[in-house]
Amino acid sequence: MVVSVIGLVIALFFFPFFFKSSEQKSEAAPTSSTKAPENACMVMIQVSGSDVPIDLEEYVIGVVAAEMPVGFNLEALKAQAIAARTYVLKSTNYGQTPIEPTVARQVFYDEDTRKENWDDSYEDYETKVREAVESTRGEVIEYNGELITAMFHSMSNGMTESSANYSGTDLPYLQSVASTDFQYADNYETTTTFTIDEWNSKLNIQSTIEDISQIRLQKNNTGRVETVTMKGHEWTGRDFRTLLGLRSTDFQVKTQDGQVVITTEGYGHGVGMSQYGADAMADNGSTAHEIIEHYYKNTSIEKLNCEK
């Protein structure tokens, strides 16, 4: 009887601790996968083609090094770091899915590639890129409390493209804004020449110089081509750009000396931040945050939750 009483006392004493432990495990269960993890600053990024995930900030260093010329203004590099960090977290759901290291997503250079590309300048360039990333550590772009799709491109045609024009989806933070980068870029305008055979092969059609001379380009409000029509054929500006390997969808087509001559302005899809525009703004005294606020309208720059 005494043993039974003692056993009951011991059970009553330890019961609250077992119950509390069970509650703690329940509270630690994962929440919705669309939300940032409790310690978002510890996110690991899986780059497709690599077996080893890397720390978020190390990944951003590799993207800034690959996506923007290191000779650009430090404030432009900082803006690129913020955009790249936001983009990868949004597109991978905070590291839950891999990301391709290509222009379709974000180009990424690992340390070995950076050393090979920069050669004798490696230490100076690495220091500069790391400063840009470290000084913006954990900073992301949000709209209404959610990460944005932080698209960016190399060079605009004087106006950035809206998401509505580009994809048909109207995002309030990806609207067309003025961008003066074309005044600073030596390679803003390019000319590409095709023979008739090259033209027909790339477009998979049979056309003559006379057909091409009748080509019609319909442009949108930012000066980019929406549709191309030519003697029974029609393409979107984006498809036409891809088929011919053009630098942007702001182009003109003419015939000259039996060949097709295409003049293109700008470089890239034109949506979001222009990298040359960011550099121009920085050279004129704008900070990284001011650059972000210009290209991504009605957004705020927030810090990731680094609570342990």
C-alpha atoms as a PDB file:
ATOM      1  CA  MET A   1       0.000   0.000   0.000  1.00  0.00           C
ATOM      2  CA  VAL A   2       2.839   2.374   0.911  1.00  0.00           C
ATOM      3  CA  VAL A   3       4.578   1.517  -2.388  1.00  0.00           C
ATOM      4  CA  SER A   4       1.395   2.322  -4.308  1.00  0.00           C
ATOM      5  CA  VAL A   5       1.072   5.712  -2.662  1.00  0.00           C
ATOM      6  CA  ILE A   6       4.694   6.578  -3.331  1.00  0.00           C
ATOM      7  CA  GLY A   7       4.248   5.546  -6.991  1.00  0.00           C
ATOM      8  CA  LEU A   8       1.184   7.745  -7.291  1.00  0.00           C
ATOM      9  CA  VAL A   9       3.042  10.759  -5.841  1.00  0.00           C
ATOM     10  CA  ILE A  10       5.935  10.276  -8.263  1.00  0.00           C
ATOM     11  CA  ALA A  11       3.565  10.005 -11.218  1.00  0.00           C
ATOM     12  CA  LEU A  12       1.719  13.167 -10.234  1.00  0.00           C
ATOM     13  CA  PHE A  13       5.025  15.016  -9.810  1.00  0.00           C
ATOM     14  CA  PHE A  14       6.393  14.165 -13.281  1.00  0.00           C
ATOM     15  CA  PHE A  15       3.127  14.316 -15.241  1.00  0.00           C
ATOM     16  CA  PRO A  16       3.224  18.107 -15.843  1.00  0.00           C
ATOM     17  CA  PHE A  17       6.710  17.835 -17.306  1.00  0.00           C
ATOM     18  CA  PHE A  18       5.667  15.139 -19.798  1.00  0.00           C
ATOM     19  CA  PHE A  19       2.658  17.237 -20.765  1.00  0.00           C
ATOM     20  CA  LYS A  20       4.766  20.366 -21.210  1.00  0.00           C
ATOM     21  CA  SER A  21       7.250  18.490 -23.391  1.00  0.00           C
ATOM     22  CA  SER A  22       4.410  17.300 -25.628  1.00  0.00           C
ATOM     23  CA  GLU A  23       3.131  20.873 -25.993  1.00  0.00           C
ATOM     24  CA  GLN A  24       6.576  22.155 -27.007  1.00  0.00           C
ATOM     25  CA  LYS A  25       6.872  19.571 -29.799  1.00  0.00           C
ATOM     26  CA  SER A  26       3.453  20.524 -31.113  1.00  0.00           C
ATOM     27  CA  GLU A  27       4.322  24.242 -31.127  1.00  0.00           C
ATOM     28  CA  ALA A  28       7.553  23.511 -33.021  1.00  0.00           C
ATOM     29  CA  ALA A  29       5.687  21.822 -35.870  1.00  0.00           C
ATOM     30  CA  PRO A  30       6.171  23.528 -39.279  1.00  0.00           C
ATOM     31  CA  THR A  31       3.666  26.170 -40.271  1.00  0.00           C
ATOM     32  CA  SER A  32       2.543  27.007 -43.798  1.00  0.00           C
ATOM     33  CA  SER A  33       5.311  26.504 -46.372  1.00  0.00           C
ATOM     34  CA  THR A  34       4.563  29.925 -47.840  1.00  0.00           C
ATOM     35  CA  LYS A  35       5.854  31.699 -44.745  1.00  0.00           C
ATOM     36  CA  ALA A  36       9.443  32.535 -43.866  1.00  0.00           C
ATOM     37  CA  PRO A  37      11.112  30.093 -41.477  1.00  0.00           C
ATOM     38  CA  GLU A  38      11.593  31.346 -37.911  1.00  0.00           C
ATOM     39  CA  ASN A  39      15.292  31.894 -38.557  1.00  0.00           C
ATOM     40  CA  ALA A  40      15.180  32.994 -42.174  1.00  0.00           C
ATOM     41  CA  CYS A  41      18.782  34.205 -42.081  1.00  0.00           C
ATOM     42  CA  MET A  42      19.921  30.569 -41.863  1.00  0.00           C
ATOM     43  CA  VAL A  43      18.366  29.639 -45.213  1.00  0.00           C
ATOM     44  CA  MET A  44      20.463  27.342 -47.390  1.00  0.00           C
ATOM     45  CA  ILE A  45      20.185  27.542 -51.173  1.00  0.00           C
ATOM     46  CA  GLN A  46      20.458  24.513 -53.434  1.00  0.00           C
ATOM     47  CA  VAL A  47      21.917  25.455 -56.810  1.00  0.00           C
ATOM     48  CA  SER A  48      20.948  22.968 -59.516  1.00  0.00           C
ATOM     49  CA  GLY A  49      23.947  20.910 -60.583  1.00  0.00           C
ATOM     50  CA  SER A  50      25.660  21.173 -57.210  1.00  0.00           C
ATOM     51  CA  ASP A  51      25.400  18.543 -54.470  1.00  0.00           C
ATOM     52  CA  VAL A  52      26.112  20.886 -51.561  1.00  0.00           C
ATOM     53  CA  PRO A  53      23.648  23.613 -50.467  1.00  0.00           C
ATOM     54  CA  ILE A  54      25.219  26.977 -49.647  1.00  0.00           C
ATOM     55  CA  ASP A  55      24.396  29.746 -47.222  1.00  0.00           C
ATOM     56  CA  LEU A  56      21.997  32.395 -48.569  1.00  0.00           C
ATOM     57  CA  GLU A  57      24.496  35.255 -48.341  1.00  0.00           C
ATOM     58  CA  GLU A  58      27.254  33.235 -50.030  1.00  0.00           C
ATOM     59  CA  TYR A  59      24.799  32.475 -52.808  1.00  0.00           C
ATOM     60  CA  VAL A  60      24.006  36.185 -53.213  1.00  0.00           C
ATOM     61  CA  ILE A  61      27.734  36.929 -53.521  1.00  0.00           C
ATOM     62  CA  GLY A  62      27.916  34.475 -56.427  1.00  0.00           C
ATOM     63  CA  VAL A  63      24.904  36.057 -58.123  1.00  0.00           C
ATOM     64  CA  VAL A  64      26.109  39.656 -57.795  1.00  0.00           C
ATOM     65  CA  ALA A  65      29.499  38.593 -59.168  1.00  0.00           C
ATOM     66  CA  ALA A  66      27.848  36.932 -62.161  1.00  0.00           C
ATOM     67  CA  GLU A  67      24.974  39.288 -62.889  1.00  0.00           C
ATOM     68  CA  MET A  68      26.485  42.786 -62.578  1.00  0.00           C
ATOM     69  CA  PRO A  69      29.853  44.185 -63.732  1.00  0.00           C
ATOM     70  CA  VAL A  70      32.081  44.569 -60.666  1.00  0.00           C
ATOM     71  CA  GLY A  71      33.234  47.942 -61.968  1.00  0.00           C
ATOM     72  CA  PHE A  72      29.781  49.368 -61.295  1.00  0.00           C
ATOM     73  CA  ASN A  73      29.175  51.777 -58.431  1.00  0.00           C
ATOM     74  CA  LEU A  74      29.058  50.102 -55.007  1.00  0.00           C
ATOM     75  CA  GLU A  75      25.501  51.368 -54.418  1.00  0.00           C
ATOM     76  CA  ALA A  76      24.392  49.661 -57.638  1.00  0.00           C
ATOM     77  CA  LEU A  77      26.003  46.417 -56.471  1.00  0.00           C
ATOM     78  CA  LYS A  78      24.145  46.754 -53.161  1.00  0.00           C
ATOM     79  CA  ALA A  79      20.848  47.195 -55.014  1.00  0.00           C
ATOM     80  CA  GLN A  80      21.643  44.081 -57.049  1.00  0.00           C
ATOM     81  CA  ALA A  81      22.327  42.141 -53.848  1.00  0.00           C
ATOM     82  CA  ILE A  82      18.953  43.124 -52.381  1.00  0.00           C
ATOM     83  CA  ALA A  83      17.128  42.200 -55.594  1.00  0.00           C
ATOM     84  CA  ALA A  84      18.995  38.889 -55.964  1.00  0.00           C
ATOM     85  CA  ARG A  85      18.339  37.905 -52.349  1.00  0.00           C
ATOM     86  CA  THR A  86      14.636  38.686 -52.711  1.00  0.00           C
ATOM     87  CA  TYR A  87      14.370  36.827 -56.001  1.00  0.00           C
ATOM     88  CA  VAL A  88      15.923  33.587 -54.758  1.00  0.00           C
ATOM     89  CA  LEU A  89      13.890  33.504 -51.545  1.00  0.00           C
ATOM     90  CA  LYS A  90      10.670  34.128 -53.444  1.00  0.00           C
ATOM     91  CA  SER A  91      11.342  31.679 -56.266  1.00  0.00           C
ATOM     92  CA  THR A  92      12.617  28.840 -54.034  1.00  0.00           C
ATOM     93  CA  ASN A  93      10.162  29.393 -51.154  1.00  0.00           C
ATOM     94  CA  TYR A  94      13.011  30.194 -48.758  1.00  0.00           C
ATOM     95  CA  GLY A  95      15.330  27.501 -50.081  1.00  0.00           C
ATOM     96  CA  GLN A  96      12.842  24.645 -50.228  1.00  0.00           C
ATOM     97  CA  THR A  97      13.376  24.075 -53.969  1.00  0.00           C
ATOM     98  CA  PRO A  98      16.550  24.293 -56.121  1.00  0.00           C
ATOM     99  CA  ILE A  99      17.331  27.199 -58.431  1.00  0.00           C
ATOM    100  CA  GLU A 100      18.947  27.047 -61.858  1.00  0.00           C
ATOM    101  CA  PRO A 101      22.186  29.090 -62.221  1.00  0.00           C
ATOM    102  CA  THR A 102      21.129  30.415 -65.633  1.00  0.00           C
ATOM    103  CA  VAL A 103      19.758  33.587 -67.209  1.00  0.00           C
ATOM    104  CA  ALA A 104      16.288  32.057 -66.978  1.00  0.00           C
ATOM    105  CA  ARG A 105      16.600  32.468 -63.190  1.00  0.00           C
ATOM    106  CA  GLN A 106      19.815  33.996 -61.793  1.00  0.00           C
ATOM    107  CA  VAL A 107      23.343  33.372 -63.037  1.00  0.00           C
ATOM    108  CA  PHE A 108      25.627  32.173 -60.240  1.00  0.00           C
ATOM    109  CA  TYR A 109      29.442  31.959 -60.107  1.00  0.00           C
ATOM    110  CA  ASP A 110      31.059  29.854 -57.390  1.00  0.00           C
ATOM    111  CA  GLU A 111      34.374  30.913 -55.868  1.00  0.00           C
ATOM    112  CA  ASP A 112      36.479  28.874 -58.302  1.00  0.00           C
ATOM    113  CA  THR A 113      34.726  30.495 -61.261  1.00  0.00           C
ATOM    114  CA  ARG A 114      35.212  33.957 -59.767  1.00  0.00           C
ATOM    115  CA  LYS A 115      38.917  33.312 -59.299  1.00  0.00           C
ATOM    116  CA  GLU A 116      39.225  32.119 -62.889  1.00  0.00           C
ATOM    117  CA  ASN A 117      37.254  35.033 -64.337  1.00  0.00           C
ATOM    118  CA  TRP A 118      38.869  37.785 -62.294  1.00  0.00           C
ATOM    119  CA  ASP A 119      42.411  36.381 -62.271  1.00  0.00           C
ATOM    120  CA  ASP A 120      44.794  38.958 -60.736  1.00  0.00           C
ATOM    121  CA  SER A 121      41.885  41.213 -59.746  1.00  0.00           C
ATOM    122  CA  TYR A 122      40.213  38.487 -57.690  1.00  0.00           C
ATOM    123  CA  GLU A 123      41.020  39.846 -54.238  1.00  0.00           C
ATOM    124  CA  ASP A 124      39.931  43.408 -55.027  1.00  0.00           C
ATOM    125  CA  TYR A 125      36.754  42.349 -56.810  1.00  0.00           C
ATOM    126  CA  GLU A 126      35.844  39.748 -54.190  1.00  0.00           C
ATOM    127  CA  THR A 127      36.260  42.332 -51.448  1.00  0.00           C
ATOM    128  CA  LYS A 128      34.001  44.794 -53.255  1.00  0.00           C
ATOM    129  CA  VAL A 129      31.242  42.268 -53.937  1.00  0.00           C
ATOM    130  CA  ARG A 130      31.372  40.961 -50.374  1.00  0.00           C
ATOM    131  CA  GLU A 131      31.078  44.517 -49.056  1.00  0.00           C
ATOM    132  CA  ALA A 132      27.958  45.059 -51.188  1.00  0.00           C
ATOM    133  CA  VAL A 133      26.360  41.863 -49.907  1.00  0.00           C
ATOM    134  CA  GLU A 134      27.424  42.151 -46.282  1.00  0.00           C
ATOM    135  CA  SER A 135      26.259  45.771 -45.994  1.00  0.00           C
ATOM    136  CA  THR A 136      22.769  44.679 -47.124  1.00  0.00           C
ATOM    137  CA  ARG A 137      22.741  41.361 -45.230  1.00  0.00           C
ATOM    138  CA  GLY A 138      19.210  40.063 -44.811  1.00  0.00           C
ATOM    139  CA  GLU A 139      17.565  42.932 -46.694  1.00  0.00           C
ATOM    140  CA  VAL A 140      14.657  41.999 -48.965  1.00  0.00           C
ATOM    141  CA  ILE A 141      11.967  43.810 -50.936  1.00  0.00           C
ATOM    142  CA  GLU A 142       8.343  43.443 -49.879  1.00  0.00           C
ATOM    143  CA  TYR A 143       4.961  44.591 -51.119  1.00  0.00           C
ATOM    144  CA  ASN A 144       2.119  44.423 -48.617  1.00  0.00           C
ATOM    145  CA  GLY A 145       4.215  42.227 -46.346  1.00  0.00           C
ATOM    146  CA  GLU A 146       5.107  39.674 -49.040  1.00  0.00           C
ATOM    147  CA  LEU A 147       8.328  39.134 -50.976  1.00  0.00           C
ATOM    148  CA  ILE A 148       8.141  40.507 -54.502  1.00  0.00           C
ATOM    149  CA  THR A 149       9.262  38.859 -57.721  1.00  0.00           C
ATOM    150  CA  ALA A 150      12.333  41.071 -58.053  1.00  0.00           C
ATOM    151  CA  MET A 151      12.947  40.886 -61.790  1.00  0.00           C
ATOM    152  CA  PHE A 152      15.904  42.793 -63.231  1.00  0.00           C
ATOM    153  CA  HIS A 153      17.588  43.230 -66.600  1.00  0.00           C
ATOM    154  CA  SER A 154      20.750  44.633 -68.086  1.00  0.00           C
ATOM    155  CA  MET A 155      19.697  47.784 -69.922  1.00  0.00           C
ATOM    156  CA  SER A 156      16.417  49.527 -70.697  1.00  0.00           C
ATOM    157  CA  ASN A 157      15.442  51.553 -73.747  1.00  0.00           C
ATOM    158  CA  GLY A 158      14.756  54.640 -71.644  1.00  0.00           C
ATOM    159  CA  MET A 159      11.661  53.105 -70.029  1.00  0.00           C
ATOM    160  CA  THR A 160      11.397  49.862 -68.130  1.00  0.00           C
ATOM    161  CA  GLU A 161       8.730  47.376 -69.186  1.00  0.00           C
ATOM    162  CA  SER A 162       5.628  46.704 -67.103  1.00  0.00           C
ATOM    163  CA  SER A 163       4.782  43.179 -66.024  1.00  0.00           C
ATOM    164  CA  ALA A 164       1.395  43.615 -67.711  1.00  0.00           C
ATOM    165  CA  ASN A 165       3.051  44.239 -71.083  1.00  0.00           C
ATOM    166  CA  TYR A 166       5.575  41.467 -70.579  1.00  0.00           C
ATOM    167  CA  SER A 167       3.442  38.620 -69.284  1.00  0.00           C
ATOM    168  CA  GLY A 168      -0.136  39.864 -69.041  1.00  0.00           C
ATOM    169  CA  THR A 169       0.037  39.886 -65.239  1.00  0.00           C
ATOM    170  CA  ASP A 170      -0.278  43.371 -63.782  1.00  0.00           C
ATOM    171  CA  LEU A 171       1.867  43.599 -60.642  1.00  0.00           C
ATOM    172  CA  PRO A 172       1.681  46.963 -58.850  1.00  0.00           C
ATOM    173  CA  TYR A 173       5.406  46.999 -58.099  1.00  0.00           C
ATOM    174  CA  LEU A 174       6.508  46.156 -61.662  1.00  0.00           C
ATOM    175  CA  GLN A 175       5.305  49.211 -63.520  1.00  0.00           C
ATOM    176  CA  SER A 176       7.055  51.129 -66.294  1.00  0.00           C
ATOM    177  CA  VAL A 177       9.406  53.857 -65.014  1.00  0.00           C
ATOM    178  CA  ALA A 178      11.931  56.165 -66.652  1.00  0.00           C
ATOM    179  CA  SER A 179      15.485  54.829 -66.794  1.00  0.00           C
ATOM    180  CA  THR A 180      18.327  56.908 -68.202  1.00  0.00           C
ATOM    181  CA  ASP A 181      20.877  54.101 -68.458  1.00  0.00           C
ATOM    182  CA  PHE A 182      20.981  54.303 -72.250  1.00  0.00           C
ATOM    183  CA  GLN A 183      22.909  57.563 -71.872  1.00  0.00           C
ATOM    184  CA  TYR A 184      25.687  55.724 -70.029  1.00  0.00           C
ATOM    185  CA  ALA A 185      25.956  52.451 -71.958  1.00  0.00           C
ATOM    186  CA  ASP A 186      28.381  52.228 -74.868  1.00  0.00           C
ATOM    187  CA  ASN A 187      26.557  49.201 -76.281  1.00  0.00           C
ATOM    188  CA  TYR A 188      23.010  50.543 -75.918  1.00  0.00           C
ATOM    189  CA  GLU A 189      22.240  50.213 -79.651  1.00  0.00           C
ATOM    190  CA  THR A 190      23.342  47.188 -81.675  1.00  0.00           C
ATOM    191  CA  THR A 191      22.902  46.146 -85.294  1.00  0.00           C
ATOM    192  CA  THR A 192      22.544  42.564 -86.487  1.00  0.00           C
ATOM    193  CA  THR A 193      22.595  41.530 -90.152  1.00  0.00           C
ATOM    194  CA  PHE A 194      21.047  38.353 -91.586  1.00  0.00           C
ATOM    195  CA  THR A 195      21.231  36.861 -95.050  1.00  0.00           C
ATOM    196  CA  ILE A 196      17.904  35.737 -96.518  1.00  0.00           C
ATOM    197  CA  ASP A 197      18.868  32.118 -95.900  1.00  0.00           C
ATOM    198  CA  GLU A 198      19.734  32.830 -92.250  1.00  0.00           C
ATOM    199  CA  TRP A 199      16.494  34.761 -91.760  1.00  0.00           C
ATOM    200  CA  ASN A 200      14.337  32.023 -93.265  1.00  0.00           C
ATOM    201  CA  SER A 201      16.134  29.291 -91.360  1.00  0.00           C
ATOM    202  CA  LYS A 202      15.801  30.959 -87.979  1.00  0.00           C
ATOM    203  CA  LEU A 203      12.126  31.790 -88.505  1.00  0.00           C
ATOM    204  CA  ASN A 204      11.404  28.468 -90.265  1.00  0.00           C
ATOM    205  CA  ILE A 205       9.684  30.207 -93.195  1.00  0.00           C
ATOM    206  CA  GLN A 206      10.223  30.950 -96.876  1.00  0.00           C
ATOM    207  CA  SER A 207      10.253  34.659 -97.619  1.00  0.00           C
ATOM    208  CA  THR A 208      11.792  37.111-100.080  1.00  0.00           C
ATOM    209  CA  ILE A 209      13.344  40.524 -99.665  1.00  0.00           C
ATOM    210  CA  GLU A 210      10.086  41.982-100.973  1.00  0.00           C
ATOM    211  CA  ASP A 211       8.140  40.133 -98.265  1.00  0.00           C
ATOM    212  CA  ILE A 212      10.465  41.434 -95.578  1.00  0.00           C
ATOM    213  CA  SER A 213      10.224  44.994 -96.835  1.00  0.00           C
ATOM    214  CA  GLN A 214       6.500  44.820 -96.029  1.00  0.00           C
ATOM    215  CA  ILE A 215       7.008  43.700 -92.439  1.00  0.00           C
ATOM    216  CA  ARG A 216       4.870  45.417 -89.773  1.00  0.00           C
ATOM    217  CA  LEU A 217       5.848  45.955 -86.146  1.00  0.00           C
ATOM    218  CA  GLN A 218       3.229  46.850 -83.556  1.00  0.00           C
ATOM    219  CA  LYS A 219       4.808  48.524 -80.532  1.00  0.00           C
ATOM    220  CA  ASN A 220       3.445  49.109 -77.044  1.00  0.00           C
ATOM    221  CA  ASN A 221       3.586  52.189 -74.829  1.00  0.00           C
ATOM    222  CA  THR A 222       7.215  51.546 -73.800  1.00  0.00           C
ATOM    223  CA  GLY A 223       8.481  51.276 -77.374  1.00  0.00           C
ATOM    224  CA  ARG A 224       8.829  47.506 -77.400  1.00  0.00           C
ATOM    225  CA  VAL A 225       7.443  45.267 -80.127  1.00  0.00           C
ATOM    226  CA  GLU A 226       4.256  43.396 -79.229  1.00  0.00           C
ATOM    227  CA  THR A 227       3.596  41.704 -82.561  1.00  0.00           C
ATOM    228  CA  VAL A 228       5.400  41.164 -85.858  1.00  0.00           C
ATOM    229  CA  THR A 229       3.391  40.428 -89.018  1.00  0.00           C
ATOM    230  CA  MET A 230       4.720  39.551 -92.446  1.00  0.00           C
ATOM    231  CA  LYS A 231       2.821  37.996 -95.354  1.00  0.00           C
ATOM    232  CA  GLY A 232       0.731  35.413 -93.539  1.00  0.00           C
ATOM    233  CA  HIS A 233       3.065  35.045 -90.584  1.00  0.00           C
ATOM    234  CA  GLU A 234       2.731  36.535 -87.106  1.00  0.00           C
ATOM    235  CA  TRP A 235       4.925  36.366 -83.998  1.00  0.00           C
ATOM    236  CA  THR A 236       4.913  37.991 -80.603  1.00  0.00           C
ATOM    237  CA  GLY A 237       7.780  40.361 -80.024  1.00  0.00           C
ATOM    238  CA  ARG A 238       9.185  38.016 -77.386  1.00  0.00           C
ATOM    239  CA  ASP A 239       9.086  34.984 -79.688  1.00  0.00           C
ATOM    240  CA  PHE A 240      10.620  36.962 -82.531  1.00  0.00           C
ATOM    241  CA  ARG A 241      13.436  38.127 -80.260  1.00  0.00           C
ATOM    242  CA  THR A 242      14.124  34.552 -79.149  1.00  0.00           C
ATOM    243  CA  LEU A 243      14.095  33.082 -82.652  1.00  0.00           C
ATOM    244  CA  LEU A 244      16.545  35.656 -83.979  1.00  0.00           C
ATOM    245  CA  GLY A 245      18.629  35.950 -80.803  1.00  0.00           C
ATOM    246  CA  LEU A 246      18.035  39.687 -80.427  1.00  0.00           C
ATOM    247  CA  ARG A 247      19.092  41.631 -77.333  1.00  0.00           C
ATOM    248  CA  SER A 248      15.640  43.060 -76.609  1.00  0.00           C
ATOM    249  CA  THR A 249      12.137  43.487 -78.027  1.00  0.00           C
ATOM    250  CA  ASP A 250      12.790  47.127 -78.937  1.00  0.00           C
ATOM    251  CA  PHE A 251      13.927  46.691 -82.528  1.00  0.00           C
ATOM    252  CA  GLN A 252      13.540  47.948 -86.084  1.00  0.00           C
ATOM    253  CA  VAL A 253      13.736  45.807 -89.243  1.00  0.00           C
ATOM    254  CA  LYS A 254      14.827  46.965 -92.687  1.00  0.00           C
ATOM    255  CA  THR A 255      16.307  45.496 -95.849  1.00  0.00           C
ATOM    256  CA  GLN A 256      19.594  46.694 -97.261  1.00  0.00           C
ATOM    257  CA  ASP A 257      21.729  45.332-100.116  1.00  0.00           C
ATOM    258  CA  GLY A 258      19.749  42.094-100.231  1.00  0.00           C
ATOM    259  CA  GLN A 259      20.079  41.450 -96.510  1.00  0.00           C
ATOM    260  CA  VAL A 260      17.983  42.011 -93.377  1.00  0.00           C
ATOM    261  CA  VAL A 261      19.287  44.584 -90.907  1.00  0.00           C
ATOM    262  CA  ILE A 262      17.850  44.735 -87.381  1.00  0.00           C
ATOM    263  CA  THR A 263      18.684  47.559 -84.981  1.00  0.00           C
ATOM    264  CA  THR A 264      18.037  46.818 -81.316  1.00  0.00           C
ATOM    265  CA  GLU A 265      17.943  49.178 -78.333  1.00  0.00           C
ATOM    266  CA  GLY A 266      18.550  48.083 -74.752  1.00  0.00           C
ATOM    267  CA  TYR A 267      19.352  44.595 -73.479  1.00  0.00           C
ATOM    268  CA  GLY A 268      17.031  42.188 -71.722  1.00  0.00           C
ATOM    269  CA  HIS A 269      13.309  41.843 -71.058  1.00  0.00           C
ATOM    270  CA  GLY A 270      13.150  45.326 -69.552  1.00  0.00           C
ATOM    271  CA  VAL A 271      11.120  44.410 -66.454  1.00  0.00           C
ATOM    272  CA  GLY A 272      12.110  45.618 -62.992  1.00  0.00           C
ATOM    273  CA  MET A 273      15.497  47.086 -62.161  1.00  0.00           C
ATOM    274  CA  SER A 274      17.797  48.091 -64.992  1.00  0.00           C
ATOM    275  CA  GLN A 275      21.364  47.301 -63.981  1.00  0.00           C
ATOM    276  CA  TYR A 276      22.863  50.064 -66.109  1.00  0.00           C
ATOM    277  CA  GLY A 277      20.147  52.364 -64.829  1.00  0.00           C
ATOM    278  CA  ALA A 278      21.049  51.453 -61.255  1.00  0.00           C
ATOM    279  CA  ASP A 279      24.682  52.285 -61.965  1.00  0.00           C
ATOM    280  CA  ALA A 280      23.702  55.612 -63.542  1.00  0.00           C
ATOM    281  CA  MET A 281      21.535  56.503 -60.536  1.00  0.00           C
ATOM    282  CA  ALA A 282      24.349  55.556 -58.159  1.00  0.00           C
ATOM    283  CA  ASP A 283      26.846  57.676 -60.073  1.00  0.00           C
ATOM    284  CA  ASN A 284      24.405  60.568 -59.670  1.00  0.00           C
ATOM    285  CA  GLY A 285      24.292  60.120 -55.908  1.00  0.00           C
ATOM    286  CA  SER A 286      21.396  57.714 -55.310  1.00  0.00           C
ATOM    287  CA  THR A 287      21.696  55.097 -52.584  1.00  0.00           C
ATOM    288  CA  ALA A 288      20.880  51.426 -53.052  1.00  0.00           C
ATOM    289  CA  HIS A 289      17.568  51.902 -51.253  1.00  0.00           C
ATOM    290  CA  GLU A 290      16.651  54.834 -53.488  1.00  0.00           C
ATOM    291  CA  ILE A 291      17.452  52.731 -56.545  1.00  0.00           C
ATOM    292  CA  ILE A 292      15.206  49.915 -55.298  1.00  0.00           C
ATOM    293  CA  GLU A 293      12.389  52.347 -54.501  1.00  0.00           C
ATOM    294  CA  HIS A 294      12.610  53.813 -58.010  1.00  0.00           C
ATOM    295  CA  TYR A 295      12.409  50.546 -59.919  1.00  0.00           C
ATOM    296  CA  TYR A 296      10.033  48.632 -57.624  1.00  0.00           C
ATOM    297  CA  LYS A 297       7.153  50.981 -56.914  1.00  0.00           C
ATOM    298  CA  ASN A 298       5.280  51.049 -53.586  1.00  0.00           C
ATOM    299  CA  THR A 299       7.593  48.523 -51.968  1.00  0.00           C
ATOM    300  CA  SER A 300       9.534  48.531 -48.719  1.00  0.00           C
ATOM    301  CA  ILE A 301      12.941  47.133 -47.808  1.00  0.00           C
ATOM    302  CA  GLU A 302      12.739  44.867 -44.778  1.00  0.00           C
ATOM    303  CA  LYS A 303      15.109  42.719 -42.761  1.00  0.00           C
ATOM    304  CA  LEU A 304      14.724  38.959 -42.633  1.00  0.00           C
ATOM    305  CA  ASN A 305      13.800  37.499 -39.259  1.00  0.00           C
ATOM    306  CA  CYS A 306      17.104  36.449 -37.697  1.00  0.00           C
ATOM    307  CA  GLU A 307      15.747  35.487 -34.292  1.00  0.00           C
ATOM    308  CA  LYS A 308      17.237  32.292 -32.927  1.00  0.00           C
END
